[in-house]
PDB file of N, CA and C in Angstrom:
ATOM      1  N   UNK A   1     -47.603 -19.149 -43.942  1.00  0.00           N
ATOM      2  CA  UNK A   1     -47.078 -19.531 -42.603  1.00  0.00           C
ATOM      3  C   UNK A   1     -45.272 -20.001 -42.823  1.00  0.00           C
ATOM      4  N   UNK A   2     -45.815 -21.138 -43.844  1.00  0.00           N
ATOM      5  CA  UNK A   2     -44.376 -21.854 -44.036  1.00  0.00           C
ATOM      6  C   UNK A   2     -43.238 -20.995 -44.470  1.00  0.00           C
ATOM      7  N   UNK A   3     -43.522 -19.847 -45.469  1.00  0.00           N
ATOM      8  CA  UNK A   3     -42.459 -19.014 -45.927  1.00  0.00           C
ATOM      9  C   UNK A   3     -41.807 -18.147 -44.629  1.00  0.00           C
ATOM     10  N   UNK A   4     -42.981 -17.765 -43.554  1.00  0.00           N
ATOM     11  CA  UNK A   4     -42.088 -17.129 -42.493  1.00  0.00           C
ATOM     12  C   UNK A   4     -41.457 -18.151 -41.717  1.00  0.00           C
ATOM     13  N   UNK A   5     -41.568 -19.059 -41.511  1.00  0.00           N
ATOM     14  CA  UNK A   5     -40.717 -20.461 -40.708  1.00  0.00           C
ATOM     15  C   UNK A   5     -39.598 -20.385 -41.289  1.00  0.00           C
ATOM     16  N   UNK A   6     -39.539 -20.638 -42.750  1.00  0.00           N
ATOM     17  CA  UNK A   6     -38.425 -21.084 -43.495  1.00  0.00           C
ATOM     18  C   UNK A   6     -37.434 -19.745 -43.553  1.00  0.00           C
ATOM     19  N   UNK A   7     -37.816 -18.464 -43.610  1.00  0.00           N
ATOM     20  CA  UNK A   7     -37.209 -17.172 -43.510  1.00  0.00           C
ATOM     21  C   UNK A   7     -36.349 -17.139 -41.931  1.00  0.00           C
ATOM     22  N   UNK A   8     -37.196 -17.446 -41.003  1.00  0.00           N
ATOM     23  CA  UNK A   8     -36.791 -17.599 -39.549  1.00  0.00           C
ATOM     24  C   UNK A   8     -35.668 -18.513 -39.632  1.00  0.00           C
ATOM     25  N   UNK A   9     -35.625 -19.878 -39.878  1.00  0.00           N
ATOM     26  CA  UNK A   9     -34.614 -20.842 -40.191  1.00  0.00           C
ATOM     27  C   UNK A   9     -33.559 -20.747 -40.650  1.00  0.00           C
ATOM     28  N   UNK A  10     -33.690 -19.689 -41.953  1.00  0.00           N
ATOM     29  CA  UNK A  10     -32.769 -19.483 -42.798  1.00  0.00           C
ATOM     30  C   UNK A  10     -32.066 -18.477 -42.207  1.00  0.00           C
ATOM     31  N   UNK A  11     -32.294 -17.619 -41.583  1.00  0.00           N
ATOM     32  CA  UNK A  11     -31.866 -16.462 -41.033  1.00  0.00           C
ATOM     33  C   UNK A  11     -30.718 -16.916 -39.715  1.00  0.00           C
ATOM     34  N   UNK A  12     -31.376 -17.983 -39.035  1.00  0.00           N
ATOM     35  CA  UNK A  12     -30.550 -18.427 -37.997  1.00  0.00           C
ATOM     36  C   UNK A  12     -29.321 -19.254 -38.232  1.00  0.00           C
ATOM     37  N   UNK A  13     -29.616 -20.005 -39.776  1.00  0.00           N
ATOM     38  CA  UNK A  13     -28.745 -21.030 -39.725  1.00  0.00           C
ATOM     39  C   UNK A  13     -27.327 -19.927 -40.468  1.00  0.00           C
ATOM     40  N   UNK A  14     -27.782 -19.031 -41.393  1.00  0.00           N
ATOM     41  CA  UNK A  14     -27.014 -17.939 -41.563  1.00  0.00           C
ATOM     42  C   UNK A  14     -26.069 -17.303 -40.429  1.00  0.00           C
ATOM     43  N   UNK A  15     -26.712 -16.937 -39.305  1.00  0.00           N
ATOM     44  CA  UNK A  15     -26.148 -16.436 -38.579  1.00  0.00           C
ATOM     45  C   UNK A  15     -24.999 -17.234 -37.603  1.00  0.00           C
ATOM     46  N   UNK A  16     -25.757 -18.596 -37.426  1.00  0.00           N
ATOM     47  CA  UNK A  16     -24.803 -20.038 -36.895  1.00  0.00           C
ATOM     48  C   UNK A  16     -23.640 -20.060 -37.739  1.00  0.00           C
ATOM     49  N   UNK A  17     -23.716 -19.987 -39.111  1.00  0.00           N
ATOM     50  CA  UNK A  17     -22.672 -20.195 -39.802  1.00  0.00           C
ATOM     51  C   UNK A  17     -21.540 -18.999 -39.522  1.00  0.00           C
ATOM     52  N   UNK A  18     -22.018 -17.646 -39.513  1.00  0.00           N
ATOM     53  CA  UNK A  18     -21.302 -16.760 -39.537  1.00  0.00           C
ATOM     54  C   UNK A  18     -20.670 -16.713 -38.035  1.00  0.00           C
ATOM     55  N   UNK A  19     -21.094 -16.810 -37.084  1.00  0.00           N
ATOM     56  CA  UNK A  19     -20.847 -17.190 -35.582  1.00  0.00           C
ATOM     57  C   UNK A  19     -19.471 -18.006 -35.556  1.00  0.00           C
ATOM     58  N   UNK A  20     -19.837 -19.240 -36.181  1.00  0.00           N
ATOM     59  CA  UNK A  20     -18.890 -20.363 -36.516  1.00  0.00           C
ATOM     60  C   UNK A  20     -17.521 -19.850 -37.149  1.00  0.00           C
ATOM     61  N   UNK A  21     -17.907 -19.332 -38.360  1.00  0.00           N
ATOM     62  CA  UNK A  21     -16.411 -18.855 -39.263  1.00  0.00           C
ATOM     63  C   UNK A  21     -15.967 -17.653 -38.345  1.00  0.00           C
ATOM     64  N   UNK A  22     -16.578 -16.815 -37.701  1.00  0.00           N
ATOM     65  CA  UNK A  22     -15.929 -16.029 -36.854  1.00  0.00           C
ATOM     66  C   UNK A  22     -15.120 -16.575 -35.561  1.00  0.00           C
ATOM     67  N   UNK A  23     -15.331 -17.542 -34.946  1.00  0.00           N
ATOM     68  CA  UNK A  23     -14.706 -18.313 -33.837  1.00  0.00           C
ATOM     69  C   UNK A  23     -13.465 -19.024 -34.271  1.00  0.00           C
ATOM     70  N   UNK A  24     -13.787 -19.543 -35.536  1.00  0.00           N
ATOM     71  CA  UNK A  24     -12.481 -20.027 -36.219  1.00  0.00           C
ATOM     72  C   UNK A  24     -11.439 -19.097 -36.435  1.00  0.00           C
ATOM     73  N   UNK A  25     -11.810 -17.616 -36.859  1.00  0.00           N
ATOM     74  CA  UNK A  25     -10.924 -17.129 -37.257  1.00  0.00           C
ATOM     75  C   UNK A  25     -10.229 -16.420 -36.097  1.00  0.00           C
ATOM     76  N   UNK A  26     -11.210 -16.071 -34.769  1.00  0.00           N
ATOM     77  CA  UNK A  26     -10.273 -15.743 -33.610  1.00  0.00           C
ATOM     78  C   UNK A  26      -9.528 -16.781 -33.038  1.00  0.00           C
ATOM     79  N   UNK A  27      -9.822 -17.865 -33.036  1.00  0.00           N
ATOM     80  CA  UNK A  27      -9.206 -18.910 -32.391  1.00  0.00           C
ATOM     81  C   UNK A  27      -7.624 -19.098 -33.277  1.00  0.00           C
ATOM     82  N   UNK A  28      -7.503 -18.641 -34.498  1.00  0.00           N
ATOM     83  CA  UNK A  28      -6.345 -19.057 -35.284  1.00  0.00           C
ATOM     84  C   UNK A  28      -5.670 -17.694 -35.016  1.00  0.00           C
ATOM     85  N   UNK A  29      -6.239 -16.366 -34.511  1.00  0.00           N
ATOM     86  CA  UNK A  29      -5.625 -15.107 -34.383  1.00  0.00           C
ATOM     87  C   UNK A  29      -5.174 -15.324 -33.141  1.00  0.00           C
ATOM     88  N   UNK A  30      -5.531 -15.893 -31.834  1.00  0.00           N
ATOM     89  CA  UNK A  30      -5.058 -15.901 -30.675  1.00  0.00           C
ATOM     90  C   UNK A  30      -4.408 -16.882 -30.521  1.00  0.00           C
ATOM     91  N   UNK A  31      -4.132 -18.043 -31.068  1.00  0.00           N
ATOM     92  CA  UNK A  31      -3.469 -19.314 -30.651  1.00  0.00           C
ATOM     93  C   UNK A  31      -2.061 -18.967 -31.026  1.00  0.00           C
ATOM     94  N   UNK A  32      -1.023 -18.897 -30.216  1.00  0.00           N
ATOM     95  CA  UNK A  32       0.379 -18.777 -30.557  1.00  0.00           C
ATOM     96  C   UNK A  32       0.932 -19.944 -31.232  1.00  0.00           C
ATOM     97  N   UNK A  33       1.596 -19.342 -32.335  1.00  0.00           N
ATOM     98  CA  UNK A  33       2.761 -20.352 -33.254  1.00  0.00           C
ATOM     99  C   UNK A  33       3.924 -20.787 -32.455  1.00  0.00           C
ATOM    100  N   UNK A  34       3.960 -22.194 -32.386  1.00  0.00           N
ATOM    101  CA  UNK A  34       5.229 -22.621 -31.551  1.00  0.00           C
ATOM    102  C   UNK A  34       6.534 -22.679 -32.613  1.00  0.00           C
ATOM    103  N   UNK A  35       7.220 -22.584 -32.096  1.00  0.00           N
ATOM    104  CA  UNK A  35       8.635 -22.645 -32.837  1.00  0.00           C
ATOM    105  C   UNK A  35       9.738 -23.296 -31.999  1.00  0.00           C
ATOM    106  N   UNK A  36      10.570 -24.064 -32.643  1.00  0.00           N
ATOM    107  CA  UNK A  36      11.657 -24.955 -31.715  1.00  0.00           C
ATOM    108  C   UNK A  36      12.730 -24.695 -32.539  1.00  0.00           C
ATOM    109  N   UNK A  37      13.968 -24.686 -31.866  1.00  0.00           N
ATOM    110  CA  UNK A  37      15.381 -24.251 -32.580  1.00  0.00           C
ATOM    111  C   UNK A  37      16.471 -24.782 -31.405  1.00  0.00           C
ATOM    112  N   UNK A  38      17.351 -25.268 -32.243  1.00  0.00           N
ATOM    113  CA  UNK A  38      18.633 -25.391 -31.082  1.00  0.00           C
ATOM    114  C   UNK A  38      19.810 -24.817 -31.663  1.00  0.00           C
ATOM    115  N   UNK A  39      21.269 -24.978 -30.943  1.00  0.00           N
ATOM    116  CA  UNK A  39      22.508 -24.493 -31.301  1.00  0.00           C
ATOM    117  C   UNK A  39      22.778 -25.493 -32.423  1.00  0.00           C
ATOM    118  N   UNK A  40      23.345 -24.971 -33.255  1.00  0.00           N
ATOM    119  CA  UNK A  40      24.253 -25.833 -34.533  1.00  0.00           C
ATOM    120  C   UNK A  40      25.259 -26.655 -34.266  1.00  0.00           C
ATOM    121  N   UNK A  41      26.119 -26.083 -33.169  1.00  0.00           N
ATOM    122  CA  UNK A  41      27.245 -27.047 -32.732  1.00  0.00           C
ATOM    123  C   UNK A  41      27.064 -27.521 -31.313  1.00  0.00           C
ATOM    124  N   UNK A  42      27.614 -28.608 -31.028  1.00  0.00           N
ATOM    125  CA  UNK A  42      27.657 -29.208 -29.310  1.00  0.00           C
ATOM    126  C   UNK A  42      28.742 -28.581 -28.924  1.00  0.00           C
ATOM    127  N   UNK A  43      28.789 -28.272 -27.428  1.00  0.00           N
ATOM    128  CA  UNK A  43      29.832 -27.910 -26.797  1.00  0.00           C
ATOM    129  C   UNK A  43      30.081 -28.612 -25.634  1.00  0.00           C
ATOM    130  N   UNK A  44      31.201 -29.367 -25.569  1.00  0.00           N
ATOM    131  CA  UNK A  44      31.607 -30.206 -24.452  1.00  0.00           C
ATOM    132  C   UNK A  44      30.167 -31.448 -24.215  1.00  0.00           C
ATOM    133  N   UNK A  45      29.721 -31.806 -25.787  1.00  0.00           N
ATOM    134  CA  UNK A  45      28.490 -32.921 -25.910  1.00  0.00           C
ATOM    135  C   UNK A  45      27.351 -32.127 -25.331  1.00  0.00           C
ATOM    136  N   UNK A  46      27.447 -30.997 -25.063  1.00  0.00           N
ATOM    137  CA  UNK A  46      26.001 -30.277 -24.725  1.00  0.00           C
ATOM    138  C   UNK A  46      25.710 -29.205 -25.604  1.00  0.00           C
ATOM    139  N   UNK A  47      24.224 -28.598 -25.678  1.00  0.00           N
ATOM    140  CA  UNK A  47      24.041 -27.435 -26.431  1.00  0.00           C
ATOM    141  C   UNK A  47      22.550 -26.894 -26.061  1.00  0.00           C
ATOM    142  N   UNK A  48      22.494 -25.977 -26.764  1.00  0.00           N
ATOM    143  CA  UNK A  48      20.853 -25.276 -25.887  1.00  0.00           C
ATOM    144  C   UNK A  48      19.828 -25.438 -27.067  1.00  0.00           C
ATOM    145  N   UNK A  49      18.726 -25.503 -26.439  1.00  0.00           N
ATOM    146  CA  UNK A  49      17.667 -25.591 -27.173  1.00  0.00           C
ATOM    147  C   UNK A  49      16.528 -24.449 -26.627  1.00  0.00           C
ATOM    148  N   UNK A  50      15.563 -24.028 -27.767  1.00  0.00           N
ATOM    149  CA  UNK A  50      14.532 -22.936 -27.264  1.00  0.00           C
ATOM    150  C   UNK A  50      13.458 -23.287 -28.134  1.00  0.00           C
ATOM    151  N   UNK A  51      12.415 -22.827 -27.488  1.00  0.00           N
ATOM    152  CA  UNK A  51      10.814 -22.745 -28.391  1.00  0.00           C
ATOM    153  C   UNK A  51      10.406 -21.629 -28.080  1.00  0.00           C
ATOM    154  N   UNK A  52       9.228 -21.282 -27.774  1.00  0.00           N
ATOM    155  CA  UNK A  52       8.587 -19.952 -28.137  1.00  0.00           C
ATOM    156  C   UNK A  52       8.945 -18.945 -26.629  1.00  0.00           C
ATOM    157  N   UNK A  53       8.719 -19.682 -25.546  1.00  0.00           N
ATOM    158  CA  UNK A  53       9.068 -18.744 -24.390  1.00  0.00           C
ATOM    159  C   UNK A  53      10.234 -19.369 -23.487  1.00  0.00           C
ATOM    160  N   UNK A  54      10.431 -20.889 -23.638  1.00  0.00           N
ATOM    161  CA  UNK A  54      11.339 -21.700 -22.815  1.00  0.00           C
ATOM    162  C   UNK A  54      12.696 -22.015 -23.546  1.00  0.00           C
ATOM    163  N   UNK A  55      13.408 -22.109 -22.604  1.00  0.00           N
ATOM    164  CA  UNK A  55      14.690 -22.872 -23.055  1.00  0.00           C
ATOM    165  C   UNK A  55      15.025 -23.722 -22.477  1.00  0.00           C
ATOM    166  N   UNK A  56      16.093 -24.812 -22.677  1.00  0.00           N
ATOM    167  CA  UNK A  56      16.746 -25.674 -21.767  1.00  0.00           C
ATOM    168  C   UNK A  56      18.163 -26.188 -22.507  1.00  0.00           C
ATOM    169  N   UNK A  57      19.174 -26.737 -21.821  1.00  0.00           N
ATOM    170  CA  UNK A  57      20.344 -27.449 -21.981  1.00  0.00           C
ATOM    171  C   UNK A  57      20.369 -28.555 -22.014  1.00  0.00           C
ATOM    172  N   UNK A  58      20.883 -29.331 -22.958  1.00  0.00           N
ATOM    173  CA  UNK A  58      20.650 -30.891 -23.426  1.00  0.00           C
ATOM    174  C   UNK A  58      21.897 -31.126 -23.398  1.00  0.00           C
ATOM    175  N   UNK A  59      22.187 -32.312 -23.094  1.00  0.00           N
ATOM    176  CA  UNK A  59      23.895 -32.972 -23.113  1.00  0.00           C
ATOM    177  C   UNK A  59      23.663 -34.149 -23.496  1.00  0.00           C
ATOM    178  N   UNK A  60      24.564 -34.569 -24.725  1.00  0.00           N
ATOM    179  CA  UNK A  60      24.451 -36.272 -25.081  1.00  0.00           C
ATOM    180  C   UNK A  60      26.048 -36.589 -25.022  1.00  0.00           C
ATOM    181  N   UNK A  61      26.331 -37.091 -23.823  1.00  0.00           N
ATOM    182  CA  UNK A  61      27.678 -37.572 -23.254  1.00  0.00           C
ATOM    183  C   UNK A  61      28.410 -36.437 -23.179  1.00  0.00           C
ATOM    184  N   UNK A  62      27.928 -35.755 -21.881  1.00  0.00           N
ATOM    185  CA  UNK A  62      28.766 -34.441 -21.636  1.00  0.00           C
ATOM    186  C   UNK A  62      30.342 -34.871 -21.145  1.00  0.00           C
ATOM    187  N   UNK A  63      30.831 -33.838 -21.786  1.00  0.00           N
ATOM    188  CA  UNK A  63      32.671 -33.965 -21.516  1.00  0.00           C
ATOM    189  C   UNK A  63      33.011 -32.974 -20.746  1.00  0.00           C
ATOM    190  N   UNK A  64      34.146 -32.640 -20.361  1.00  0.00           N
ATOM    191  CA  UNK A  64      34.923 -31.769 -19.785  1.00  0.00           C
ATOM    192  C   UNK A  64      35.341 -30.624 -20.908  1.00  0.00           C
ATOM    193  N   UNK A  65      34.636 -29.467 -20.917  1.00  0.00           N
ATOM    194  CA  UNK A  65      35.147 -28.820 -22.113  1.00  0.00           C
ATOM    195  C   UNK A  65      36.260 -27.891 -21.213  1.00  0.00           C
ATOM    196  N   UNK A  66      36.637 -27.686 -19.845  1.00  0.00           N
ATOM    197  CA  UNK A  66      37.623 -26.748 -19.722  1.00  0.00           C
ATOM    198  C   UNK A  66      38.183 -27.112 -18.303  1.00  0.00           C
ATOM    199  N   UNK A  67      38.658 -26.114 -17.426  1.00  0.00           N
ATOM    200  CA  UNK A  67      39.476 -26.891 -16.235  1.00  0.00           C
ATOM    201  C   UNK A  67      38.478 -27.260 -14.875  1.00  0.00           C
ATOM    202  N   UNK A  68      37.304 -26.833 -15.226  1.00  0.00           N
ATOM    203  CA  UNK A  68      36.385 -27.126 -14.246  1.00  0.00           C
ATOM    204  C   UNK A  68      35.692 -28.177 -14.766  1.00  0.00           C
ATOM    205  N   UNK A  69      35.495 -29.364 -14.011  1.00  0.00           N
ATOM    206  CA  UNK A  69      35.029 -30.536 -15.180  1.00  0.00           C
ATOM    207  C   UNK A  69      33.385 -30.318 -15.254  1.00  0.00           C
ATOM    208  N   UNK A  70      32.817 -30.512 -16.492  1.00  0.00           N
ATOM    209  CA  UNK A  70      31.457 -30.463 -16.687  1.00  0.00           C
ATOM    210  C   UNK A  70      30.951 -29.805 -16.050  1.00  0.00           C
ATOM    211  N   UNK A  71      31.310 -28.390 -15.885  1.00  0.00           N
ATOM    212  CA  UNK A  71      30.452 -27.093 -15.403  1.00  0.00           C
ATOM    213  C   UNK A  71      30.309 -26.197 -16.687  1.00  0.00           C
ATOM    214  N   UNK A  72      28.903 -25.999 -16.935  1.00  0.00           N
ATOM    215  CA  UNK A  72      28.559 -25.334 -18.583  1.00  0.00           C
ATOM    216  C   UNK A  72      27.674 -23.778 -17.692  1.00  0.00           C
ATOM    217  N   UNK A  73      28.099 -23.010 -18.376  1.00  0.00           N
ATOM    218  CA  UNK A  73      27.371 -21.812 -18.553  1.00  0.00           C
ATOM    219  C   UNK A  73      26.180 -21.716 -19.603  1.00  0.00           C
ATOM    220  N   UNK A  74      24.956 -21.700 -18.809  1.00  0.00           N
ATOM    221  CA  UNK A  74      23.946 -21.567 -20.114  1.00  0.00           C
ATOM    222  C   UNK A  74      23.137 -20.056 -19.967  1.00  0.00           C
ATOM    223  N   UNK A  75      23.116 -19.537 -21.272  1.00  0.00           N
ATOM    224  CA  UNK A  75      22.726 -18.347 -21.162  1.00  0.00           C
ATOM    225  C   UNK A  75      21.165 -18.279 -21.985  1.00  0.00           C
ATOM    226  N   UNK A  76      20.339 -17.736 -21.489  1.00  0.00           N
ATOM    227  CA  UNK A  76      18.842 -17.646 -21.965  1.00  0.00           C
ATOM    228  C   UNK A  76      18.849 -15.988 -22.449  1.00  0.00           C
ATOM    229  N   UNK A  77      18.680 -16.013 -23.702  1.00  0.00           N
ATOM    230  CA  UNK A  77      18.323 -14.552 -24.461  1.00  0.00           C
ATOM    231  C   UNK A  77      16.805 -14.450 -24.633  1.00  0.00           C
ATOM    232  N   UNK A  78      16.371 -13.314 -23.587  1.00  0.00           N
ATOM    233  CA  UNK A  78      14.943 -13.168 -23.419  1.00  0.00           C
ATOM    234  C   UNK A  78      14.721 -11.892 -24.615  1.00  0.00           C
ATOM    235  N   UNK A  79      13.841 -11.670 -24.674  1.00  0.00           N
ATOM    236  CA  UNK A  79      12.903 -10.598 -25.503  1.00  0.00           C
ATOM    237  C   UNK A  79      12.311  -9.802 -24.448  1.00  0.00           C
ATOM    238  N   UNK A  80      12.684  -8.554 -24.540  1.00  0.00           N
ATOM    239  CA  UNK A  80      12.003  -7.511 -23.532  1.00  0.00           C
ATOM    240  C   UNK A  80      12.398  -7.748 -22.262  1.00  0.00           C
ATOM    241  N   UNK A  81      13.250  -8.533 -21.517  1.00  0.00           N
ATOM    242  CA  UNK A  81      13.700  -8.713 -20.291  1.00  0.00           C
ATOM    243  C   UNK A  81      14.936  -8.944 -20.047  1.00  0.00           C
ATOM    244  N   UNK A  82      15.665  -9.171 -19.005  1.00  0.00           N
ATOM    245  CA  UNK A  82      17.083  -9.042 -19.031  1.00  0.00           C
ATOM    246  C   UNK A  82      17.142 -10.528 -19.152  1.00  0.00           C
ATOM    247  N   UNK A  83      18.580 -10.994 -19.937  1.00  0.00           N
ATOM    248  CA  UNK A  83      18.834 -12.227 -19.982  1.00  0.00           C
ATOM    249  C   UNK A  83      19.224 -13.027 -18.707  1.00  0.00           C
ATOM    250  N   UNK A  84      18.954 -14.444 -18.806  1.00  0.00           N
ATOM    251  CA  UNK A  84      19.293 -14.805 -17.522  1.00  0.00           C
ATOM    252  C   UNK A  84      20.533 -16.130 -17.835  1.00  0.00           C
ATOM    253  N   UNK A  85      21.475 -16.013 -16.720  1.00  0.00           N
ATOM    254  CA  UNK A  85      22.734 -16.918 -17.025  1.00  0.00           C
ATOM    255  C   UNK A  85      22.750 -17.622 -15.890  1.00  0.00           C
ATOM    256  N   UNK A  86      23.224 -19.036 -16.159  1.00  0.00           N
ATOM    257  CA  UNK A  86      23.146 -20.053 -15.032  1.00  0.00           C
ATOM    258  C   UNK A  86      24.136 -20.944 -15.219  1.00  0.00           C
ATOM    259  N   UNK A  87      25.562 -21.194 -14.098  1.00  0.00           N
ATOM    260  CA  UNK A  87      26.154 -22.060 -14.159  1.00  0.00           C
ATOM    261  C   UNK A  87      25.617 -23.398 -13.597  1.00  0.00           C
ATOM    262  N   UNK A  88      25.983 -24.520 -14.606  1.00  0.00           N
ATOM    263  CA  UNK A  88      25.303 -25.918 -13.951  1.00  0.00           C
ATOM    264  C   UNK A  88      26.259 -26.885 -13.939  1.00  0.00           C
ATOM    265  N   UNK A  89      26.648 -27.977 -13.253  1.00  0.00           N
ATOM    266  CA  UNK A  89      27.381 -28.872 -12.944  1.00  0.00           C
ATOM    267  C   UNK A  89      26.543 -30.213 -13.516  1.00  0.00           C
ATOM    268  N   UNK A  90      27.311 -30.952 -14.162  1.00  0.00           N
ATOM    269  CA  UNK A  90      26.661 -32.129 -14.770  1.00  0.00           C
ATOM    270  C   UNK A  90      27.713 -33.150 -14.612  1.00  0.00           C
ATOM    271  N   UNK A  91      27.582 -34.665 -14.230  1.00  0.00           N
ATOM    272  CA  UNK A  91      28.555 -35.475 -14.386  1.00  0.00           C
ATOM    273  C   UNK A  91      29.307 -36.034 -15.853  1.00  0.00           C
ATOM    274  N   UNK A  92      30.272 -36.597 -15.785  1.00  0.00           N
ATOM    275  CA  UNK A  92      30.682 -36.958 -16.879  1.00  0.00           C
ATOM    276  C   UNK A  92      29.912 -37.998 -17.785  1.00  0.00           C
ATOM    277  N   UNK A  93      29.991 -37.906 -19.055  1.00  0.00           N
ATOM    278  CA  UNK A  93      29.047 -38.784 -19.611  1.00  0.00           C
ATOM    279  C   UNK A  93      27.394 -38.511 -19.444  1.00  0.00           C
ATOM    280  N   UNK A  94      27.084 -37.575 -18.987  1.00  0.00           N
ATOM    281  CA  UNK A  94      25.447 -37.269 -18.818  1.00  0.00           C
ATOM    282  C   UNK A  94      24.811 -37.095 -19.966  1.00  0.00           C
ATOM    283  N   UNK A  95      23.474 -37.869 -20.211  1.00  0.00           N
ATOM    284  CA  UNK A  95      22.569 -37.697 -20.797  1.00  0.00           C
ATOM    285  C   UNK A  95      21.374 -36.827 -20.387  1.00  0.00           C
ATOM    286  N   UNK A  96      20.743 -36.070 -21.206  1.00  0.00           N
ATOM    287  CA  UNK A  96      19.300 -35.504 -20.592  1.00  0.00           C
ATOM    288  C   UNK A  96      19.727 -33.630 -20.749  1.00  0.00           C
ATOM    289  N   UNK A  97      18.429 -33.301 -20.011  1.00  0.00           N
ATOM    290  CA  UNK A  97      18.139 -31.772 -19.781  1.00  0.00           C
ATOM    291  C   UNK A  97      18.764 -31.527 -18.517  1.00  0.00           C
ATOM    292  N   UNK A  98      19.751 -30.646 -18.451  1.00  0.00           N
ATOM    293  CA  UNK A  98      20.244 -30.074 -17.149  1.00  0.00           C
ATOM    294  C   UNK A  98      19.695 -28.809 -16.867  1.00  0.00           C
ATOM    295  N   UNK A  99      18.898 -28.071 -17.389  1.00  0.00           N
ATOM    296  CA  UNK A  99      18.451 -26.868 -16.999  1.00  0.00           C
ATOM    297  C   UNK A  99      17.476 -26.428 -17.889  1.00  0.00           C
ATOM    298  N   UNK A 100      16.578 -25.730 -17.148  1.00  0.00           N
ATOM    299  CA  UNK A 100      15.324 -24.962 -17.800  1.00  0.00           C
ATOM    300  C   UNK A 100      15.352 -23.643 -17.468  1.00  0.00           C
ATOM    301  N   UNK A 101      14.763 -22.543 -18.420  1.00  0.00           N
ATOM    302  CA  UNK A 101      14.332 -21.259 -18.053  1.00  0.00           C
ATOM    303  C   UNK A 101      13.319 -20.891 -18.830  1.00  0.00           C
ATOM    304  N   UNK A 102      12.299 -20.087 -18.570  1.00  0.00           N
ATOM    305  CA  UNK A 102      11.411 -19.742 -19.138  1.00  0.00           C
ATOM    306  C   UNK A 102      11.257 -17.951 -19.134  1.00  0.00           C
ATOM    307  N   UNK A 103      11.165 -17.735 -20.463  1.00  0.00           N
ATOM    308  CA  UNK A 103      11.240 -16.069 -20.434  1.00  0.00           C
ATOM    309  C   UNK A 103       9.649 -15.692 -20.401  1.00  0.00           C
ATOM    310  N   UNK A 104       9.299 -14.597 -20.184  1.00  0.00           N
ATOM    311  CA  UNK A 104       7.672 -13.759 -19.872  1.00  0.00           C
ATOM    312  C   UNK A 104       7.102 -13.925 -21.336  1.00  0.00           C
ATOM    313  N   UNK A 105       7.796 -13.183 -22.456  1.00  0.00           N
ATOM    314  CA  UNK A 105       7.023 -13.148 -23.780  1.00  0.00           C
ATOM    315  C   UNK A 105       7.912 -14.034 -24.805  1.00  0.00           C
ATOM    316  N   UNK A 106       9.169 -14.009 -24.927  1.00  0.00           N
ATOM    317  CA  UNK A 106       9.598 -14.569 -25.929  1.00  0.00           C
ATOM    318  C   UNK A 106      11.254 -15.145 -25.651  1.00  0.00           C
ATOM    319  N   UNK A 107      11.835 -16.174 -26.018  1.00  0.00           N
ATOM    320  CA  UNK A 107      13.202 -16.411 -25.989  1.00  0.00           C
ATOM    321  C   UNK A 107      13.855 -16.479 -27.338  1.00  0.00           C
ATOM    322  N   UNK A 108      14.991 -15.776 -27.395  1.00  0.00           N
ATOM    323  CA  UNK A 108      15.425 -15.481 -28.696  1.00  0.00           C
ATOM    324  C   UNK A 108      16.518 -16.357 -29.054  1.00  0.00           C
ATOM    325  N   UNK A 109      17.082 -17.438 -27.832  1.00  0.00           N
ATOM    326  CA  UNK A 109      18.177 -18.464 -27.967  1.00  0.00           C
ATOM    327  C   UNK A 109      18.581 -18.781 -26.840  1.00  0.00           C
ATOM    328  N   UNK A 110      19.054 -20.059 -26.792  1.00  0.00           N
ATOM    329  CA  UNK A 110      19.699 -20.466 -25.634  1.00  0.00           C
ATOM    330  C   UNK A 110      21.317 -21.271 -26.038  1.00  0.00           C
ATOM    331  N   UNK A 111      22.372 -20.648 -25.005  1.00  0.00           N
ATOM    332  CA  UNK A 111      23.666 -20.984 -25.691  1.00  0.00           C
ATOM    333  C   UNK A 111      24.165 -21.497 -24.446  1.00  0.00           C
ATOM    334  N   UNK A 112      24.920 -22.485 -24.974  1.00  0.00           N
ATOM    335  CA  UNK A 112      25.935 -23.428 -23.614  1.00  0.00           C
ATOM    336  C   UNK A 112      27.171 -23.326 -24.182  1.00  0.00           C
ATOM    337  N   UNK A 113      28.057 -22.670 -22.979  1.00  0.00           N
ATOM    338  CA  UNK A 113      29.606 -22.798 -23.217  1.00  0.00           C
ATOM    339  C   UNK A 113      30.046 -22.910 -21.615  1.00  0.00           C
ATOM    340  N   UNK A 114      31.008 -22.880 -21.445  1.00  0.00           N
ATOM    341  CA  UNK A 114      31.726 -22.721 -20.200  1.00  0.00           C
ATOM    342  C   UNK A 114      32.434 -21.378 -19.614  1.00  0.00           C
TER     343      UNK A 114
END
């Protein structure tokens, strides 16, 4: 009788371990990997940042880059959908995030200029 009980318990332990291992593998495959990038240069004190699907413009002491004071064009380069462009105005010396956008599938880059 003990050998039957031991076999049943042993089989359940093996099944439980297999289910746990497959669950960990499924989570690893399904979880998206995150990435973060930014433009290598600053334009008028601002530059673009982007992650897996979202991007934003960020300024550190914004300065007038052109005739129109502190007005920046921010371009979001989306994968598998139309790119988005926006004009945004920030005050002289502004520090912080000034615009955000999220692509549906993936963002390739975010670019700030005038």
